Amino acid sequence: MKRIKSVVIFYNSKGRKAVAFASGIQKRLSAAGVRVCKICVNDAFSGFKGADAAVAVGGDGTVLYAARHLMKHSVPALGIN
């Protein structure tokens, strides 16, 4: 199995729980030596430079937003609602 070196986290800043959960994920991944890029779905999309995996934290809209941007890059995603 390929080691995950970089992860992009999509989150909805309008949900306090989503923000806290995304920060917790970022902290754990960073501590494990994984490069993390966080993208707020409420801001203008600025892109990301490649990723081995993605996590979408929020509701259905957040997961769909992430999927729309990830499918061009064939990045696997985990949605957390």
Protein backbone atom coordinates (compact mmCIF):
# COMPACT_ATOMS: atom_id res chain seq x y z
CA MET A 1 0.00 0.00 0.00
CA LYS A 2 1.26 3.47 -0.92
CA ARG A 3 2.21 5.77 1.97
CA ILE A 4 0.09 8.91 2.11
CA LYS A 5 2.37 11.95 2.03
CA SER A 6 -0.15 14.72 1.37
CA VAL A 7 -3.83 15.25 2.14
CA VAL A 8 -6.25 18.02 1.23
CA ILE A 9 -9.02 18.76 3.73
CA PHE A 10 -12.22 20.42 2.50
CA TYR A 11 -14.35 21.90 5.27
CA ASN A 12 -17.36 24.15 5.80
CA SER A 13 -16.46 27.10 8.01
CA LYS A 14 -20.12 27.74 8.85
CA GLY A 15 -20.23 24.64 11.04
CA ARG A 16 -18.31 24.91 14.33
CA LYS A 17 -18.04 21.14 14.62
CA ALA A 18 -16.71 20.85 11.07
CA VAL A 19 -14.03 23.48 11.75
CA ALA A 20 -12.97 21.78 14.99
CA PHE A 21 -12.96 18.32 13.40
CA ALA A 22 -10.95 19.52 10.38
CA SER A 23 -8.40 21.16 12.70
CA GLY A 24 -8.09 17.93 14.67
CA ILE A 25 -7.51 15.94 11.49
CA GLN A 26 -4.90 18.46 10.37
CA LYS A 27 -3.09 18.28 13.70
CA ARG A 28 -2.93 14.47 13.70
CA LEU A 29 -1.84 14.22 10.08
CA SER A 30 0.81 16.92 10.49
CA ALA A 31 2.16 15.16 13.58
CA ALA A 32 2.52 12.01 11.46
CA GLY A 33 4.56 13.93 8.87
CA VAL A 34 1.79 14.31 6.31
CA ARG A 35 1.60 17.58 4.34
CA VAL A 36 -1.88 19.08 4.75
CA CYS A 37 -3.72 21.67 2.67
CA LYS A 38 -7.03 22.98 4.06
CA ILE A 39 -9.65 24.40 1.72
CA CYS A 40 -12.74 26.20 3.01
CA VAL A 41 -15.72 25.62 0.73
CA ASN A 42 -17.05 29.09 1.59
CA ASP A 43 -14.03 30.88 0.12
CA ALA A 44 -12.98 31.26 -3.50
CA PHE A 45 -11.31 28.05 -4.67
CA SER A 46 -7.57 28.59 -4.94
CA GLY A 47 -6.64 25.04 -5.89
CA PHE A 48 -4.11 22.66 -4.42
CA LYS A 49 -0.87 21.12 -5.60
CA GLY A 50 -1.54 17.43 -5.78
CA ALA A 51 -2.60 15.17 -2.96
CA ASP A 52 -2.56 11.47 -2.23
CA ALA A 53 -5.95 11.61 -0.50
CA ALA A 54 -8.68 14.01 0.57
CA VAL A 55 -11.10 14.41 3.47
CA ALA A 56 -14.33 16.41 3.21
CA VAL A 57 -15.74 17.54 6.57
CA GLY A 58 -19.25 18.99 6.56
CA GLY A 59 -22.54 18.17 4.95
CA ASP A 60 -23.54 16.81 1.57
CA GLY A 61 -22.67 20.09 -0.13
CA THR A 62 -19.12 19.98 1.21
CA VAL A 63 -18.64 16.41 -0.02
CA LEU A 64 -20.04 17.28 -3.47
CA TYR A 65 -17.85 20.41 -3.67
CA ALA A 66 -14.78 18.35 -2.86
CA ALA A 67 -15.72 15.60 -5.33
CA ARG A 68 -16.17 18.15 -8.11
CA HIS A 69 -12.62 19.46 -7.60
CA LEU A 70 -11.00 16.10 -6.92
CA MET A 71 -12.28 14.09 -9.87
CA LYS A 72 -9.98 15.93 -12.29
CA HIS A 73 -7.01 14.71 -10.24
CA SER A 74 -8.22 11.16 -9.47
CA VAL A 75 -7.71 11.71 -5.74
CA PRO A 76 -9.60 9.34 -3.41
CA ALA A 77 -11.81 11.07 -0.85
CA LEU A 78 -13.37 10.31 2.50
CA GLY A 79 -16.54 12.24 3.34
CA ILE A 80 -17.35 12.93 7.00
CA ASN A 81 -20.83 14.28 7.60
